[in-house]
């Protein structure tokens, strides 16, 4: 059974601690040969924070951590894949804590599934999302000079148990991305559903839509 927990607007570190605890519990059960009985989808908006994946380059921070903290933005290095990204209010973040073996998924197929759930969600709001070669996440305007990212992905997987996940810009203040080279790119932009549609959207409705598509896709692989 997949349990859905909404964490509201929260700082990064306490939610990271919840992820690590749930992930460790599930990995330990698998190591001990126990059956995994509960999986999780954690949904949250974060207060302003910049996270750096395990392969992130410091030069993709455009300000020092000290300067960022003066602006009220914490900078944290974490264990997910990917480079550097920004989280802030108005951005829908989902952290699936799943056993991929229960869903007959490999890691690459799982990443594709996350992307597909986002593509289906934003399509309901009249926005065409797509994948682009050599870059994870969901993009708009692929192959044009206006290529822009609407959803970032970064995952960690241990014994096929996942943590971290996706961050979809819904009503996000995009000026936060000016503090970094998002995902390490200097030639691509970022966008949000609000910017693409020209209207502030119902955050909770979009959260429900994305969770629905994730569950449909996960159930189709069981």
Protein backbone atom coordinates (compact mmCIF):
# COMPACT_ATOMS: atom_id res chain seq x y z
CA UNK A 1 0.00 0.00 0.00
CA UNK A 2 1.23 3.49 -0.85
CA UNK A 3 0.58 6.04 1.90
CA UNK A 4 0.27 9.68 0.87
CA UNK A 5 1.44 12.29 3.38
CA UNK A 6 1.10 16.04 2.77
CA UNK A 7 3.68 18.01 4.73
CA UNK A 8 2.57 21.52 3.80
CA UNK A 9 5.16 24.32 3.69
CA UNK A 10 8.27 23.07 5.47
CA UNK A 11 12.03 23.66 5.70
CA UNK A 12 14.19 21.19 3.80
CA UNK A 13 16.13 19.48 6.60
CA UNK A 14 13.21 18.10 8.68
CA UNK A 15 11.64 16.62 5.54
CA UNK A 16 15.01 15.20 4.48
CA UNK A 17 15.21 13.52 7.92
CA UNK A 18 11.77 11.96 7.39
CA UNK A 19 12.85 10.68 3.98
CA UNK A 20 16.05 9.18 5.34
CA UNK A 21 14.23 7.46 8.19
CA UNK A 22 11.57 5.90 5.96
CA UNK A 23 14.16 4.94 3.34
CA UNK A 24 16.46 3.33 5.90
CA UNK A 25 13.60 1.38 7.48
CA UNK A 26 12.59 -0.03 4.09
CA UNK A 27 16.17 -0.87 3.05
CA UNK A 28 16.80 -2.61 6.37
CA UNK A 29 13.65 -4.70 5.98
CA UNK A 30 14.83 -5.85 2.56
CA UNK A 31 18.31 -6.65 3.88
CA UNK A 32 16.73 -8.81 6.59
CA UNK A 33 14.49 -10.57 4.09
CA UNK A 34 11.28 -9.04 5.44
CA UNK A 35 8.38 -8.10 3.22
CA UNK A 36 7.98 -4.39 2.52
CA UNK A 37 4.41 -3.58 3.56
CA UNK A 38 4.21 0.20 3.24
CA UNK A 39 5.47 2.71 0.70
CA UNK A 40 5.18 6.48 0.74
CA UNK A 41 4.53 9.54 -1.39
CA UNK A 42 5.54 12.64 0.57
CA UNK A 43 4.34 15.95 -0.89
CA UNK A 44 5.67 19.31 0.28
CA UNK A 45 6.46 22.93 -0.54
CA UNK A 46 9.85 23.99 0.78
CA UNK A 47 10.92 27.28 2.23
CA UNK A 48 13.75 28.73 0.06
CA UNK A 49 16.69 26.34 -0.23
CA UNK A 50 19.32 25.32 -2.75
CA UNK A 51 20.32 21.66 -2.87
CA UNK A 52 23.41 20.22 -4.52
CA UNK A 53 23.41 16.62 -5.74
CA UNK A 54 26.39 14.34 -5.25
CA UNK A 55 27.95 15.38 -8.57
CA UNK A 56 27.09 19.09 -8.31
CA UNK A 57 29.78 21.62 -9.13
CA UNK A 58 30.35 24.53 -6.77
CA UNK A 59 30.69 26.93 -9.71
CA UNK A 60 26.98 26.45 -10.40
CA UNK A 61 26.31 28.44 -7.23
CA UNK A 62 26.42 32.07 -8.31
CA UNK A 63 26.79 33.31 -4.73
CA UNK A 64 28.71 31.94 -1.75
CA UNK A 65 26.74 29.89 0.81
CA UNK A 66 27.27 32.75 3.26
CA UNK A 67 25.78 35.31 0.87
CA UNK A 68 22.88 32.96 0.13
CA UNK A 69 22.16 32.57 3.84
CA UNK A 70 22.08 36.36 4.17
CA UNK A 71 19.29 36.27 1.56
CA UNK A 72 17.43 33.66 3.62
CA UNK A 73 18.36 30.76 1.33
CA UNK A 74 20.05 27.72 2.89
CA UNK A 75 22.49 25.69 0.79
CA UNK A 76 22.63 21.92 1.43
CA UNK A 77 24.63 19.13 -0.22
CA UNK A 78 22.59 15.94 -0.43
CA UNK A 79 22.88 12.38 -1.72
CA UNK A 80 20.59 12.45 -4.76
CA UNK A 81 21.81 12.40 -8.35
CA UNK A 82 21.86 15.54 -10.45
CA UNK A 83 23.46 18.93 -10.03
CA UNK A 84 22.10 22.02 -8.27
CA UNK A 85 18.48 23.16 -7.98
CA UNK A 86 16.32 25.63 -6.10
CA UNK A 87 13.23 24.87 -4.03
CA UNK A 88 10.78 27.47 -2.79
CA UNK A 89 7.12 28.21 -2.10
CA UNK A 90 4.76 27.51 -4.97
CA UNK A 91 6.85 24.55 -6.13
CA UNK A 92 5.30 21.09 -5.75
CA UNK A 93 7.88 18.62 -4.48
CA UNK A 94 7.11 14.89 -4.30
CA UNK A 95 9.37 12.38 -2.58
CA UNK A 96 8.38 8.78 -3.39
CA UNK A 97 9.79 6.19 -0.96
CA UNK A 98 9.16 3.07 -3.03
CA UNK A 99 10.46 -0.44 -3.53
CA UNK A 100 10.90 -0.57 -7.29
CA UNK A 101 11.01 -4.37 -7.23
CA UNK A 102 7.37 -4.39 -6.10
CA UNK A 103 6.53 -2.42 -9.25
CA UNK A 104 8.83 -4.37 -11.61
CA UNK A 105 10.76 -1.21 -12.42
CA UNK A 106 14.42 -0.49 -13.02
CA UNK A 107 15.86 2.90 -12.14
CA UNK A 108 15.75 4.27 -15.70
CA UNK A 109 12.16 3.13 -16.15
CA UNK A 110 11.28 4.73 -12.81
CA UNK A 111 12.73 8.09 -13.88
CA UNK A 112 10.74 7.82 -17.12
CA UNK A 113 7.63 7.11 -15.06
CA UNK A 114 8.13 10.25 -12.94
CA UNK A 115 8.60 12.32 -16.08
CA UNK A 116 5.51 10.79 -17.68
CA UNK A 117 3.36 11.59 -14.64
CA UNK A 118 4.42 15.25 -14.86
CA UNK A 119 3.87 15.37 -18.63
CA UNK A 120 0.32 14.00 -18.18
CA UNK A 121 -0.39 16.41 -15.32
CA UNK A 122 0.62 19.61 -17.08
CA UNK A 123 -1.18 18.47 -20.25
CA UNK A 124 -4.42 18.79 -18.27
CA UNK A 125 -3.60 22.50 -17.96
CA UNK A 126 -2.88 22.93 -21.66
CA UNK A 127 0.91 22.80 -21.38
CA UNK A 128 2.93 20.41 -23.55
CA UNK A 129 5.85 18.92 -21.64
CA UNK A 130 8.56 16.76 -23.15
CA UNK A 131 11.89 15.07 -22.53
CA UNK A 132 15.11 16.28 -24.12
CA UNK A 133 18.19 14.22 -24.87
CA UNK A 134 20.89 14.30 -22.21
CA UNK A 135 18.87 16.11 -19.55
CA UNK A 136 16.50 14.67 -16.96
CA UNK A 137 13.22 16.27 -16.01
CA UNK A 138 10.38 17.77 -18.01
CA UNK A 139 10.94 20.57 -20.50
CA UNK A 140 8.99 22.93 -22.72
CA UNK A 141 10.09 24.12 -26.15
CA UNK A 142 12.60 21.32 -26.65
CA UNK A 143 14.97 21.84 -29.57
CA UNK A 144 14.32 25.59 -29.73
CA UNK A 145 16.23 28.59 -28.33
CA UNK A 146 13.37 28.89 -25.81
CA UNK A 147 14.05 25.50 -24.21
CA UNK A 148 12.99 25.78 -20.57
CA UNK A 149 12.62 23.41 -17.64
CA UNK A 150 9.39 23.13 -15.68
CA UNK A 151 10.21 20.08 -13.53
CA UNK A 152 13.52 18.88 -12.07
CA UNK A 153 14.23 15.27 -11.08
CA UNK A 154 16.86 13.74 -8.85
CA UNK A 155 16.70 10.34 -7.16
CA UNK A 156 18.69 8.03 -4.94
CA UNK A 157 18.15 4.28 -5.02
CA UNK A 158 19.49 1.68 -2.57
CA UNK A 159 18.49 -1.97 -3.03
CA UNK A 160 15.83 -0.62 -5.40
CA UNK A 161 14.36 1.57 -2.63
CA UNK A 162 13.97 5.18 -3.77
CA UNK A 163 14.20 8.56 -2.11
CA UNK A 164 14.26 12.19 -3.33
CA UNK A 165 12.12 12.73 -6.41
CA UNK A 166 10.65 15.59 -8.44
CA UNK A 167 10.02 19.32 -8.15
CA UNK A 168 7.35 20.86 -10.39
CA UNK A 169 7.22 24.65 -10.66
CA UNK A 170 3.56 25.54 -10.21
CA UNK A 171 3.29 29.12 -8.88
CA UNK A 172 7.00 29.37 -8.05
CA UNK A 173 8.79 32.72 -7.86
CA UNK A 174 11.37 31.99 -10.55
CA UNK A 175 13.80 34.68 -9.37
CA UNK A 176 15.18 32.08 -6.94
CA UNK A 177 16.74 30.28 -9.91
CA UNK A 178 18.86 33.37 -10.66
CA UNK A 179 21.03 32.36 -7.70
CA UNK A 180 22.30 29.26 -9.54
CA UNK A 181 22.93 27.65 -12.90
CA UNK A 182 19.85 25.41 -12.65
CA UNK A 183 20.81 21.73 -12.98
CA UNK A 184 24.23 22.94 -14.18
CA UNK A 185 22.93 24.50 -17.41
CA UNK A 186 23.90 28.02 -18.44
CA UNK A 187 22.03 28.04 -21.78
CA UNK A 188 18.55 26.89 -20.75
CA UNK A 189 15.75 28.64 -18.89
CA UNK A 190 13.26 27.69 -16.22
CA UNK A 191 9.52 28.19 -16.20
CA UNK A 192 6.38 27.44 -14.19
CA UNK A 193 2.79 26.47 -14.88
CA UNK A 194 1.75 29.96 -13.79
CA UNK A 195 4.11 31.53 -16.34
CA UNK A 196 3.05 29.19 -19.14
CA UNK A 197 -0.69 29.56 -18.55
CA UNK A 198 -0.68 33.21 -17.49
CA UNK A 199 -2.71 32.47 -14.36
CA UNK A 200 -2.07 31.54 -10.74
CA UNK A 201 -3.21 27.95 -10.36
CA UNK A 202 -4.83 25.90 -7.60
CA UNK A 203 -1.80 24.27 -5.99
CA UNK A 204 -3.77 21.59 -4.15
CA UNK A 205 -5.63 20.60 -7.32
CA UNK A 206 -2.37 20.17 -9.21
CA UNK A 207 -0.92 18.17 -6.34
CA UNK A 208 -3.94 15.85 -6.50
CA UNK A 209 -3.63 15.50 -10.26
CA UNK A 210 0.06 14.63 -10.12
CA UNK A 211 -0.40 12.13 -7.29
CA UNK A 212 -3.24 10.52 -9.27
CA UNK A 213 -1.08 10.08 -12.35
CA UNK A 214 1.81 8.70 -10.29
CA UNK A 215 -0.48 6.09 -8.71
CA UNK A 216 -2.01 5.11 -12.05
CA UNK A 217 1.43 4.60 -13.60
CA UNK A 218 2.80 2.73 -10.58
CA UNK A 219 -0.23 0.44 -10.43
CA UNK A 220 0.15 -0.35 -14.13
CA UNK A 221 3.59 -1.86 -13.38
CA UNK A 222 2.57 -4.06 -10.47
